[in-house]
Amino acid sequence: MKIKEYIPIGELCKHYRVEISFFTKLHEEGLVKITTLEQTSYLHQDTIGDVEKFIRLHQELNINTEGIDAVCNLLQKIDNLENELNKLHNRLRLYESDF
């Protein structure tokens, strides 16, 4: 584990003005993975984009962590459906070009 790739949750709390309990709840919902090293909790830097999205949903739309989980699941399903739709369109074009 490269410590340079991890950001202390305390710093994130100060920067985004959220309580540490918010990150704990996100972890409990399975939305982020908290890594603890020497009594300090960290998040991997690759999760910051998702964390910012979660914070916006929480602060701007007043959505709790359970709601954030539901929203993320729905967005993932939409993304999967869009990918499937694109694949089907491509297959249809292939058959239409033969005629």
PDB file of N, CA and C in Angstrom:
ATOM      1  N   MET A   1       0.841  -1.181   0.000  1.00  0.00           N
ATOM      2  CA  MET A   1       0.000   0.000   0.000  1.00  0.00           C
ATOM      3  C   MET A   1       0.880   1.236   0.000  1.00  0.00           C
ATOM      4  N   LYS A   2       0.693   2.093  -0.987  1.00  0.00           N
ATOM      5  CA  LYS A   2       1.431   3.349  -1.057  1.00  0.00           C
ATOM      6  C   LYS A   2       0.604   4.431  -0.365  1.00  0.00           C
ATOM      7  N   ILE A   3       1.130   4.945   0.725  1.00  0.00           N
ATOM      8  CA  ILE A   3       0.397   5.929   1.522  1.00  0.00           C
ATOM      9  C   ILE A   3       0.143   7.209   0.730  1.00  0.00           C
ATOM     10  N   LYS A   4       0.970   7.483  -0.287  1.00  0.00           N
ATOM     11  CA  LYS A   4       0.776   8.677  -1.107  1.00  0.00           C
ATOM     12  C   LYS A   4      -0.539   8.635  -1.878  1.00  0.00           C
ATOM     13  N   GLU A   5      -1.050   7.439  -2.122  1.00  0.00           N
ATOM     14  CA  GLU A   5      -2.281   7.276  -2.885  1.00  0.00           C
ATOM     15  C   GLU A   5      -3.528   7.413  -2.015  1.00  0.00           C
ATOM     16  N   TYR A   6      -3.350   7.622  -0.715  1.00  0.00           N
ATOM     17  CA  TYR A   6      -4.476   7.688   0.210  1.00  0.00           C
ATOM     18  C   TYR A   6      -4.566   9.064   0.843  1.00  0.00           C
ATOM     19  N   ILE A   7      -5.797   9.483   1.115  1.00  0.00           N
ATOM     20  CA  ILE A   7      -6.051  10.795   1.715  1.00  0.00           C
ATOM     21  C   ILE A   7      -6.719  10.583   3.068  1.00  0.00           C
ATOM     22  N   PRO A   8      -6.183  11.209   4.117  1.00  0.00           N
ATOM     23  CA  PRO A   8      -6.816  11.062   5.438  1.00  0.00           C
ATOM     24  C   PRO A   8      -8.243  11.610   5.436  1.00  0.00           C
ATOM     25  N   ILE A   9      -9.136  10.877   6.036  1.00  0.00           N
ATOM     26  CA  ILE A   9     -10.534  11.290   6.065  1.00  0.00           C
ATOM     27  C   ILE A   9     -10.705  12.601   6.823  1.00  0.00           C
ATOM     28  N   GLY A  10      -9.881  12.824   7.822  1.00  0.00           N
ATOM     29  CA  GLY A  10      -9.948  14.084   8.559  1.00  0.00           C
ATOM     30  C   GLY A  10      -9.739  15.290   7.653  1.00  0.00           C
ATOM     31  N   GLU A  11      -8.805  15.184   6.721  1.00  0.00           N
ATOM     32  CA  GLU A  11      -8.570  16.270   5.770  1.00  0.00           C
ATOM     33  C   GLU A  11      -9.761  16.457   4.845  1.00  0.00           C
ATOM     34  N   LEU A  12     -10.351  15.352   4.428  1.00  0.00           N
ATOM     35  CA  LEU A  12     -11.528  15.443   3.568  1.00  0.00           C
ATOM     36  C   LEU A  12     -12.693  16.094   4.298  1.00  0.00           C
ATOM     37  N   CYS A  13     -12.850  15.773   5.578  1.00  0.00           N
ATOM     38  CA  CYS A  13     -13.920  16.374   6.381  1.00  0.00           C
ATOM     39  C   CYS A  13     -13.757  17.889   6.443  1.00  0.00           C
ATOM     40  N   LYS A  14     -12.531  18.339   6.660  1.00  0.00           N
ATOM     41  CA  LYS A  14     -12.274  19.783   6.715  1.00  0.00           C
ATOM     42  C   LYS A  14     -12.522  20.427   5.363  1.00  0.00           C
ATOM     43  N   HIS A  15     -12.005  19.808   4.309  1.00  0.00           N
ATOM     44  CA  HIS A  15     -12.100  20.387   2.968  1.00  0.00           C
ATOM     45  C   HIS A  15     -13.550  20.480   2.489  1.00  0.00           C
ATOM     46  N   TYR A  16     -14.320  19.415   2.686  1.00  0.00           N
ATOM     47  CA  TYR A  16     -15.695  19.370   2.184  1.00  0.00           C
ATOM     48  C   TYR A  16     -16.736  19.774   3.224  1.00  0.00           C
ATOM     49  N   ARG A  17     -16.288  20.040   4.436  1.00  0.00           N
ATOM     50  CA  ARG A  17     -17.167  20.455   5.532  1.00  0.00           C
ATOM     51  C   ARG A  17     -18.269  19.429   5.799  1.00  0.00           C
ATOM     52  N   VAL A  18     -17.831  18.191   5.991  1.00  0.00           N
ATOM     53  CA  VAL A  18     -18.754  17.114   6.363  1.00  0.00           C
ATOM     54  C   VAL A  18     -18.221  16.424   7.606  1.00  0.00           C
ATOM     55  N   GLU A  19     -19.102  15.737   8.290  1.00  0.00           N
ATOM     56  CA  GLU A  19     -18.723  14.998   9.491  1.00  0.00           C
ATOM     57  C   GLU A  19     -18.089  13.667   9.106  1.00  0.00           C
ATOM     58  N   ILE A  20     -17.248  13.145   9.974  1.00  0.00           N
ATOM     59  CA  ILE A  20     -16.621  11.851   9.721  1.00  0.00           C
ATOM     60  C   ILE A  20     -17.679  10.748   9.668  1.00  0.00           C
ATOM     61  N   SER A  21     -18.795  10.948  10.349  1.00  0.00           N
ATOM     62  CA  SER A  21     -19.872   9.954  10.331  1.00  0.00           C
ATOM     63  C   SER A  21     -20.438   9.776   8.918  1.00  0.00           C
ATOM     64  N   PHE A  22     -20.375  10.810   8.093  1.00  0.00           N
ATOM     65  CA  PHE A  22     -20.836  10.702   6.708  1.00  0.00           C
ATOM     66  C   PHE A  22     -20.010   9.657   5.966  1.00  0.00           C
ATOM     67  N   PHE A  23     -18.683   9.706   6.131  1.00  0.00           N
ATOM     68  CA  PHE A  23     -17.813   8.733   5.479  1.00  0.00           C
ATOM     69  C   PHE A  23     -18.019   7.333   6.057  1.00  0.00           C
ATOM     70  N   THR A  24     -18.265   7.273   7.357  1.00  0.00           N
ATOM     71  CA  THR A  24     -18.530   5.981   7.987  1.00  0.00           C
ATOM     72  C   THR A  24     -19.798   5.356   7.411  1.00  0.00           C
ATOM     73  N   LYS A  25     -20.833   6.157   7.236  1.00  0.00           N
ATOM     74  CA  LYS A  25     -22.086   5.654   6.667  1.00  0.00           C
ATOM     75  C   LYS A  25     -21.903   5.237   5.213  1.00  0.00           C
ATOM     76  N   LEU A  26     -21.115   6.019   4.454  1.00  0.00           N
ATOM     77  CA  LEU A  26     -20.831   5.628   3.069  1.00  0.00           C
ATOM     78  C   LEU A  26     -20.125   4.274   3.034  1.00  0.00           C
ATOM     79  N   HIS A  27     -19.213   4.077   3.976  1.00  0.00           N
ATOM     80  CA  HIS A  27     -18.492   2.803   4.059  1.00  0.00           C
ATOM     81  C   HIS A  27     -19.450   1.668   4.416  1.00  0.00           C
ATOM     82  N   GLU A  28     -20.340   1.920   5.362  1.00  0.00           N
ATOM     83  CA  GLU A  28     -21.312   0.900   5.769  1.00  0.00           C
ATOM     84  C   GLU A  28     -22.248   0.525   4.623  1.00  0.00           C
ATOM     85  N   GLU A  29     -22.563   1.479   3.756  1.00  0.00           N
ATOM     86  CA  GLU A  29     -23.422   1.215   2.596  1.00  0.00           C
ATOM     87  C   GLU A  29     -22.645   0.536   1.463  1.00  0.00           C
ATOM     88  N   GLY A  30     -21.322   0.466   1.607  1.00  0.00           N
ATOM     89  CA  GLY A  30     -20.502  -0.158   0.571  1.00  0.00           C
ATOM     90  C   GLY A  30     -20.162   0.772  -0.573  1.00  0.00           C
ATOM     91  N   LEU A  31     -20.329   2.075  -0.370  1.00  0.00           N
ATOM     92  CA  LEU A  31     -20.055   3.041  -1.427  1.00  0.00           C
ATOM     93  C   LEU A  31     -18.592   3.455  -1.490  1.00  0.00           C
ATOM     94  N   VAL A  32     -17.899   3.392  -0.368  1.00  0.00           N
ATOM     95  CA  VAL A  32     -16.461   3.681  -0.325  1.00  0.00           C
ATOM     96  C   VAL A  32     -15.786   2.648   0.570  1.00  0.00           C
ATOM     97  N   LYS A  33     -14.491   2.504   0.373  1.00  0.00           N
ATOM     98  CA  LYS A  33     -13.721   1.600   1.219  1.00  0.00           C
ATOM     99  C   LYS A  33     -12.777   2.442   2.072  1.00  0.00           C
ATOM    100  N   ILE A  34     -12.942   2.342   3.376  1.00  0.00           N
ATOM    101  CA  ILE A  34     -12.070   3.048   4.309  1.00  0.00           C
ATOM    102  C   ILE A  34     -10.936   2.119   4.706  1.00  0.00           C
ATOM    103  N   THR A  35      -9.725   2.632   4.606  1.00  0.00           N
ATOM    104  CA  THR A  35      -8.535   1.901   5.021  1.00  0.00           C
ATOM    105  C   THR A  35      -7.986   2.566   6.271  1.00  0.00           C
ATOM    106  N   THR A  36      -7.736   1.781   7.305  1.00  0.00           N
ATOM    107  CA  THR A  36      -7.212   2.322   8.558  1.00  0.00           C
ATOM    108  C   THR A  36      -5.779   1.859   8.743  1.00  0.00           C
ATOM    109  N   LEU A  37      -4.923   2.824   9.035  1.00  0.00           N
ATOM    110  CA  LEU A  37      -3.515   2.548   9.269  1.00  0.00           C
ATOM    111  C   LEU A  37      -3.057   3.408  10.433  1.00  0.00           C
ATOM    112  N   GLU A  38      -2.567   2.763  11.477  1.00  0.00           N
ATOM    113  CA  GLU A  38      -2.087   3.464  12.668  1.00  0.00           C
ATOM    114  C   GLU A  38      -3.130   4.444  13.205  1.00  0.00           C
ATOM    115  N   GLN A  39      -4.337   3.982  13.374  1.00  0.00           N
ATOM    116  CA  GLN A  39      -5.456   4.730  13.949  1.00  0.00           C
ATOM    117  C   GLN A  39      -5.894   5.926  13.118  1.00  0.00           C
ATOM    118  N   THR A  40      -5.495   5.991  11.851  1.00  0.00           N
ATOM    119  CA  THR A  40      -5.940   7.044  10.950  1.00  0.00           C
ATOM    120  C   THR A  40      -6.697   6.383   9.803  1.00  0.00           C
ATOM    121  N   SER A  41      -7.866   6.921   9.491  1.00  0.00           N
ATOM    122  CA  SER A  41      -8.683   6.381   8.415  1.00  0.00           C
ATOM    123  C   SER A  41      -8.394   7.135   7.122  1.00  0.00           C
ATOM    124  N   TYR A  42      -8.329   6.379   6.024  1.00  0.00           N
ATOM    125  CA  TYR A  42      -7.988   6.948   4.724  1.00  0.00           C
ATOM    126  C   TYR A  42      -8.968   6.480   3.654  1.00  0.00           C
ATOM    127  N   LEU A  43      -9.065   7.290   2.597  1.00  0.00           N
ATOM    128  CA  LEU A  43      -9.748   6.888   1.376  1.00  0.00           C
ATOM    129  C   LEU A  43      -8.727   6.934   0.241  1.00  0.00           C
ATOM    130  N   HIS A  44      -8.857   6.028  -0.703  1.00  0.00           N
ATOM    131  CA  HIS A  44      -7.956   6.018  -1.854  1.00  0.00           C
ATOM    132  C   HIS A  44      -8.286   7.218  -2.745  1.00  0.00           C
ATOM    133  N   GLN A  45      -7.255   7.796  -3.334  1.00  0.00           N
ATOM    134  CA  GLN A  45      -7.437   9.000  -4.132  1.00  0.00           C
ATOM    135  C   GLN A  45      -8.328   8.763  -5.357  1.00  0.00           C
ATOM    136  N   ASP A  46      -8.419   7.545  -5.829  1.00  0.00           N
ATOM    137  CA  ASP A  46      -9.258   7.245  -6.986  1.00  0.00           C
ATOM    138  C   ASP A  46     -10.748   7.360  -6.686  1.00  0.00           C
ATOM    139  N   THR A  47     -11.117   7.385  -5.416  1.00  0.00           N
ATOM    140  CA  THR A  47     -12.535   7.462  -5.050  1.00  0.00           C
ATOM    141  C   THR A  47     -13.027   8.896  -4.866  1.00  0.00           C
ATOM    142  N   ILE A  48     -12.134   9.874  -4.998  1.00  0.00           N
ATOM    143  CA  ILE A  48     -12.495  11.263  -4.714  1.00  0.00           C
ATOM    144  C   ILE A  48     -13.617  11.762  -5.630  1.00  0.00           C
ATOM    145  N   GLY A  49     -13.593  11.397  -6.900  1.00  0.00           N
ATOM    146  CA  GLY A  49     -14.663  11.811  -7.812  1.00  0.00           C
ATOM    147  C   GLY A  49     -16.020  11.328  -7.347  1.00  0.00           C
ATOM    148  N   ASP A  50     -16.092  10.064  -6.943  1.00  0.00           N
ATOM    149  CA  ASP A  50     -17.347   9.519  -6.417  1.00  0.00           C
ATOM    150  C   ASP A  50     -17.732  10.193  -5.111  1.00  0.00           C
ATOM    151  N   VAL A  51     -16.753  10.420  -4.250  1.00  0.00           N
ATOM    152  CA  VAL A  51     -17.023  11.064  -2.961  1.00  0.00           C
ATOM    153  C   VAL A  51     -17.599  12.457  -3.181  1.00  0.00           C
ATOM    154  N   GLU A  52     -17.055  13.199  -4.134  1.00  0.00           N
ATOM    155  CA  GLU A  52     -17.582  14.539  -4.419  1.00  0.00           C
ATOM    156  C   GLU A  52     -19.030  14.462  -4.902  1.00  0.00           C
ATOM    157  N   LYS A  53     -19.336  13.451  -5.717  1.00  0.00           N
ATOM    158  CA  LYS A  53     -20.715  13.262  -6.182  1.00  0.00           C
ATOM    159  C   LYS A  53     -21.625  12.947  -5.003  1.00  0.00           C
ATOM    160  N   PHE A  54     -21.164  12.074  -4.094  1.00  0.00           N
ATOM    161  CA  PHE A  54     -21.961  11.718  -2.915  1.00  0.00           C
ATOM    162  C   PHE A  54     -22.206  12.943  -2.032  1.00  0.00           C
ATOM    163  N   ILE A  55     -21.179  13.761  -1.865  1.00  0.00           N
ATOM    164  CA  ILE A  55     -21.314  14.957  -1.028  1.00  0.00           C
ATOM    165  C   ILE A  55     -22.304  15.933  -1.648  1.00  0.00           C
ATOM    166  N   ARG A  56     -22.249  16.123  -2.972  1.00  0.00           N
ATOM    167  CA  ARG A  56     -23.211  17.009  -3.637  1.00  0.00           C
ATOM    168  C   ARG A  56     -24.639  16.488  -3.462  1.00  0.00           C
ATOM    169  N   LEU A  57     -24.832  15.185  -3.645  1.00  0.00           N
ATOM    170  CA  LEU A  57     -26.166  14.619  -3.453  1.00  0.00           C
ATOM    171  C   LEU A  57     -26.653  14.847  -2.022  1.00  0.00           C
ATOM    172  N   HIS A  58     -25.738  14.701  -1.079  1.00  0.00           N
ATOM    173  CA  HIS A  58     -26.098  14.859   0.334  1.00  0.00           C
ATOM    174  C   HIS A  58     -26.375  16.318   0.689  1.00  0.00           C
ATOM    175  N   GLN A  59     -25.493  17.204   0.286  1.00  0.00           N
ATOM    176  CA  GLN A  59     -25.624  18.598   0.695  1.00  0.00           C
ATOM    177  C   GLN A  59     -26.634  19.383  -0.132  1.00  0.00           C
ATOM    178  N   GLU A  60     -26.608  19.210  -1.443  1.00  0.00           N
ATOM    179  CA  GLU A  60     -27.464  20.024  -2.302  1.00  0.00           C
ATOM    180  C   GLU A  60     -28.885  19.483  -2.405  1.00  0.00           C
ATOM    181  N   LEU A  61     -29.027  18.163  -2.354  1.00  0.00           N
ATOM    182  CA  LEU A  61     -30.353  17.563  -2.494  1.00  0.00           C
ATOM    183  C   LEU A  61     -30.872  16.961  -1.199  1.00  0.00           C
ATOM    184  N   ASN A  62     -30.050  17.044  -0.142  1.00  0.00           N
ATOM    185  CA  ASN A  62     -30.433  16.550   1.178  1.00  0.00           C
ATOM    186  C   ASN A  62     -30.806  15.064   1.150  1.00  0.00           C
ATOM    187  N   ILE A  63     -29.993  14.277   0.441  1.00  0.00           N
ATOM    188  CA  ILE A  63     -30.225  12.842   0.331  1.00  0.00           C
ATOM    189  C   ILE A  63     -29.335  12.124   1.342  1.00  0.00           C
ATOM    190  N   ASN A  64     -29.918  11.205   2.103  1.00  0.00           N
ATOM    191  CA  ASN A  64     -29.128  10.455   3.084  1.00  0.00           C
ATOM    192  C   ASN A  64     -28.322   9.364   2.383  1.00  0.00           C
ATOM    193  N   THR A  65     -27.475   8.661   3.136  1.00  0.00           N
ATOM    194  CA  THR A  65     -26.578   7.679   2.523  1.00  0.00           C
ATOM    195  C   THR A  65     -27.334   6.508   1.905  1.00  0.00           C
ATOM    196  N   GLU A  66     -28.460   6.128   2.496  1.00  0.00           N
ATOM    197  CA  GLU A  66     -29.256   5.064   1.900  1.00  0.00           C
ATOM    198  C   GLU A  66     -29.806   5.503   0.548  1.00  0.00           C
ATOM    199  N   GLY A  67     -30.240   6.759   0.482  1.00  0.00           N
ATOM    200  CA  GLY A  67     -30.734   7.315  -0.775  1.00  0.00           C
ATOM    201  C   GLY A  67     -29.625   7.442  -1.808  1.00  0.00           C
ATOM    202  N   ILE A  68     -28.435   7.819  -1.350  1.00  0.00           N
ATOM    203  CA  ILE A  68     -27.289   7.912  -2.256  1.00  0.00           C
ATOM    204  C   ILE A  68     -26.990   6.553  -2.859  1.00  0.00           C
ATOM    205  N   ASP A  69     -27.058   5.519  -2.042  1.00  0.00           N
ATOM    206  CA  ASP A  69     -26.836   4.154  -2.529  1.00  0.00           C
ATOM    207  C   ASP A  69     -27.873   3.806  -3.588  1.00  0.00           C
ATOM    208  N   ALA A  70     -29.129   4.127  -3.333  1.00  0.00           N
ATOM    209  CA  ALA A  70     -30.199   3.836  -4.294  1.00  0.00           C
ATOM    210  C   ALA A  70     -29.996   4.608  -5.593  1.00  0.00           C
ATOM    211  N   VAL A  71     -29.648   5.886  -5.491  1.00  0.00           N
ATOM    212  CA  VAL A  71     -29.400   6.711  -6.678  1.00  0.00           C
ATOM    213  C   VAL A  71     -28.248   6.137  -7.489  1.00  0.00           C
ATOM    214  N   CYS A  72     -27.173   5.757  -6.822  1.00  0.00           N
ATOM    215  CA  CYS A  72     -26.015   5.193  -7.528  1.00  0.00           C
ATOM    216  C   CYS A  72     -26.363   3.884  -8.221  1.00  0.00           C
ATOM    217  N   ASN A  73     -27.159   3.039  -7.562  1.00  0.00           N
ATOM    218  CA  ASN A  73     -27.596   1.790  -8.189  1.00  0.00           C
ATOM    219  C   ASN A  73     -28.449   2.061  -9.426  1.00  0.00           C
ATOM    220  N   LEU A  74     -29.357   3.025  -9.323  1.00  0.00           N
ATOM    221  CA  LEU A  74     -30.192   3.370 -10.476  1.00  0.00           C
ATOM    222  C   LEU A  74     -29.363   3.947 -11.623  1.00  0.00           C
ATOM    223  N   LEU A  75     -28.407   4.807 -11.301  1.00  0.00           N
ATOM    224  CA  LEU A  75     -27.538   5.374 -12.344  1.00  0.00           C
ATOM    225  C   LEU A  75     -26.709   4.286 -13.018  1.00  0.00           C
ATOM    226  N   GLN A  76     -26.257   3.305 -12.241  1.00  0.00           N
ATOM    227  CA  GLN A  76     -25.502   2.195 -12.809  1.00  0.00           C
ATOM    228  C   GLN A  76     -26.385   1.371 -13.743  1.00  0.00           C
ATOM    229  N   LYS A  77     -27.633   1.144 -13.342  1.00  0.00           N
ATOM    230  CA  LYS A  77     -28.557   0.401 -14.196  1.00  0.00           C
ATOM    231  C   LYS A  77     -28.837   1.159 -15.489  1.00  0.00           C
ATOM    232  N   ILE A  78     -29.003   2.463 -15.394  1.00  0.00           N
ATOM    233  CA  ILE A  78     -29.214   3.276 -16.589  1.00  0.00           C
ATOM    234  C   ILE A  78     -28.014   3.174 -17.516  1.00  0.00           C
ATOM    235  N   ASP A  79     -26.830   3.258 -16.955  1.00  0.00           N
ATOM    236  CA  ASP A  79     -25.609   3.153 -17.752  1.00  0.00           C
ATOM    237  C   ASP A  79     -25.533   1.797 -18.443  1.00  0.00           C
ATOM    238  N   ASN A  80     -25.856   0.733 -17.723  1.00  0.00           N
ATOM    239  CA  ASN A  80     -25.853  -0.609 -18.310  1.00  0.00           C
ATOM    240  C   ASN A  80     -26.875  -0.720 -19.441  1.00  0.00           C
ATOM    241  N   LEU A  81     -28.051  -0.151 -19.239  1.00  0.00           N
ATOM    242  CA  LEU A  81     -29.083  -0.194 -20.267  1.00  0.00           C
ATOM    243  C   LEU A  81     -28.672   0.611 -21.501  1.00  0.00           C
ATOM    244  N   GLU A  82     -28.032   1.755 -21.296  1.00  0.00           N
ATOM    245  CA  GLU A  82     -27.546   2.544 -22.427  1.00  0.00           C
ATOM    246  C   GLU A  82     -26.487   1.783 -23.216  1.00  0.00           C
ATOM    247  N   ASN A  83     -25.595   1.098 -22.516  1.00  0.00           N
ATOM    248  CA  ASN A  83     -24.581   0.291 -23.197  1.00  0.00           C
ATOM    249  C   ASN A  83     -25.223  -0.831 -24.002  1.00  0.00           C
ATOM    250  N   GLU A  84     -26.203  -1.491 -23.404  1.00  0.00           N
ATOM    251  CA  GLU A  84     -26.892  -2.575 -24.098  1.00  0.00           C
ATOM    252  C   GLU A  84     -27.642  -2.041 -25.322  1.00  0.00           C
ATOM    253  N   LEU A  85     -28.277  -0.890 -25.173  1.00  0.00           N
ATOM    254  CA  LEU A  85     -28.999  -0.278 -26.281  1.00  0.00           C
ATOM    255  C   LEU A  85     -28.046   0.062 -27.433  1.00  0.00           C
ATOM    256  N   ASN A  86     -26.874   0.602 -27.116  1.00  0.00           N
ATOM    257  CA  ASN A  86     -25.879   0.908 -28.147  1.00  0.00           C
ATOM    258  C   ASN A  86     -25.424  -0.351 -28.868  1.00  0.00           C
ATOM    259  N   LYS A  87     -25.199  -1.421 -28.124  1.00  0.00           N
ATOM    260  CA  LYS A  87     -24.804  -2.690 -28.749  1.00  0.00           C
ATOM    261  C   LYS A  87     -25.889  -3.183 -29.703  1.00  0.00           C
ATOM    262  N   LEU A  88     -27.140  -3.095 -29.258  1.00  0.00           N
ATOM    263  CA  LEU A  88     -28.248  -3.546 -30.098  1.00  0.00           C
ATOM    264  C   LEU A  88     -28.405  -2.679 -31.344  1.00  0.00           C
ATOM    265  N   HIS A  89     -28.203  -1.374 -31.196  1.00  0.00           N
ATOM    266  CA  HIS A  89     -28.237  -0.486 -32.366  1.00  0.00           C
ATOM    267  C   HIS A  89     -27.151  -0.861 -33.366  1.00  0.00           C
ATOM    268  N   ASN A  90     -25.973  -1.143 -32.854  1.00  0.00           N
ATOM    269  CA  ASN A  90     -24.870  -1.534 -33.740  1.00  0.00           C
ATOM    270  C   ASN A  90     -25.174  -2.845 -34.457  1.00  0.00           C
ATOM    271  N   ARG A  91     -25.740  -3.806 -33.760  1.00  0.00           N
ATOM    272  CA  ARG A  91     -26.104  -5.078 -34.393  1.00  0.00           C
ATOM    273  C   ARG A  91     -27.187  -4.863 -35.445  1.00  0.00           C
ATOM    274  N   LEU A  92     -28.145  -4.009 -35.136  1.00  0.00           N
ATOM    275  CA  LEU A  92     -29.212  -3.720 -36.085  1.00  0.00           C
ATOM    276  C   LEU A  92     -28.662  -3.071 -37.346  1.00  0.00           C
ATOM    277  N   ARG A  93     -27.737  -2.141 -37.196  1.00  0.00           N
ATOM    278  CA  ARG A  93     -27.105  -1.502 -38.358  1.00  0.00           C
ATOM    279  C   ARG A  93     -26.392  -2.528 -39.226  1.00  0.00           C
ATOM    280  N   LEU A  94     -25.762  -3.483 -38.591  1.00  0.00           N
ATOM    281  CA  LEU A  94     -25.065  -4.529 -39.326  1.00  0.00           C
ATOM    282  C   LEU A  94     -26.054  -5.314 -40.193  1.00  0.00           C
ATOM    283  N   TYR A  95     -27.208  -5.672 -39.644  1.00  0.00           N
ATOM    284  CA  TYR A  95     -28.212  -6.421 -40.406  1.00  0.00           C
ATOM    285  C   TYR A  95     -28.871  -5.536 -41.475  1.00  0.00           C
ATOM    286  N   GLU A  96     -29.085  -4.271 -41.166  1.00  0.00           N
ATOM    287  CA  GLU A  96     -29.711  -3.374 -42.132  1.00  0.00           C
ATOM    288  C   GLU A  96     -28.793  -3.079 -43.306  1.00  0.00           C
ATOM    289  N   SER A  97     -27.489  -3.053 -43.082  1.00  0.00           N
ATOM    290  CA  SER A  97     -26.555  -2.768 -44.165  1.00  0.00           C
ATOM    291  C   SER A  97     -26.450  -3.929 -45.136  1.00  0.00           C
ATOM    292  N   ASP A  98     -26.843  -5.129 -44.728  1.00  0.00           N
ATOM    293  CA  ASP A  98     -26.818  -6.290 -45.608  1.00  0.00           C
ATOM    294  C   ASP A  98     -27.954  -6.249 -46.612  1.00  0.00           C
ATOM    295  N   PHE A  99     -29.007  -5.512 -46.350  1.00  0.00           N
ATOM    296  CA  PHE A  99     -30.165  -5.489 -47.240  1.00  0.00           C
ATOM    297  C   PHE A  99     -30.027  -4.381 -48.200  1.00  0.00           C
TER     298      PHE A  99
END
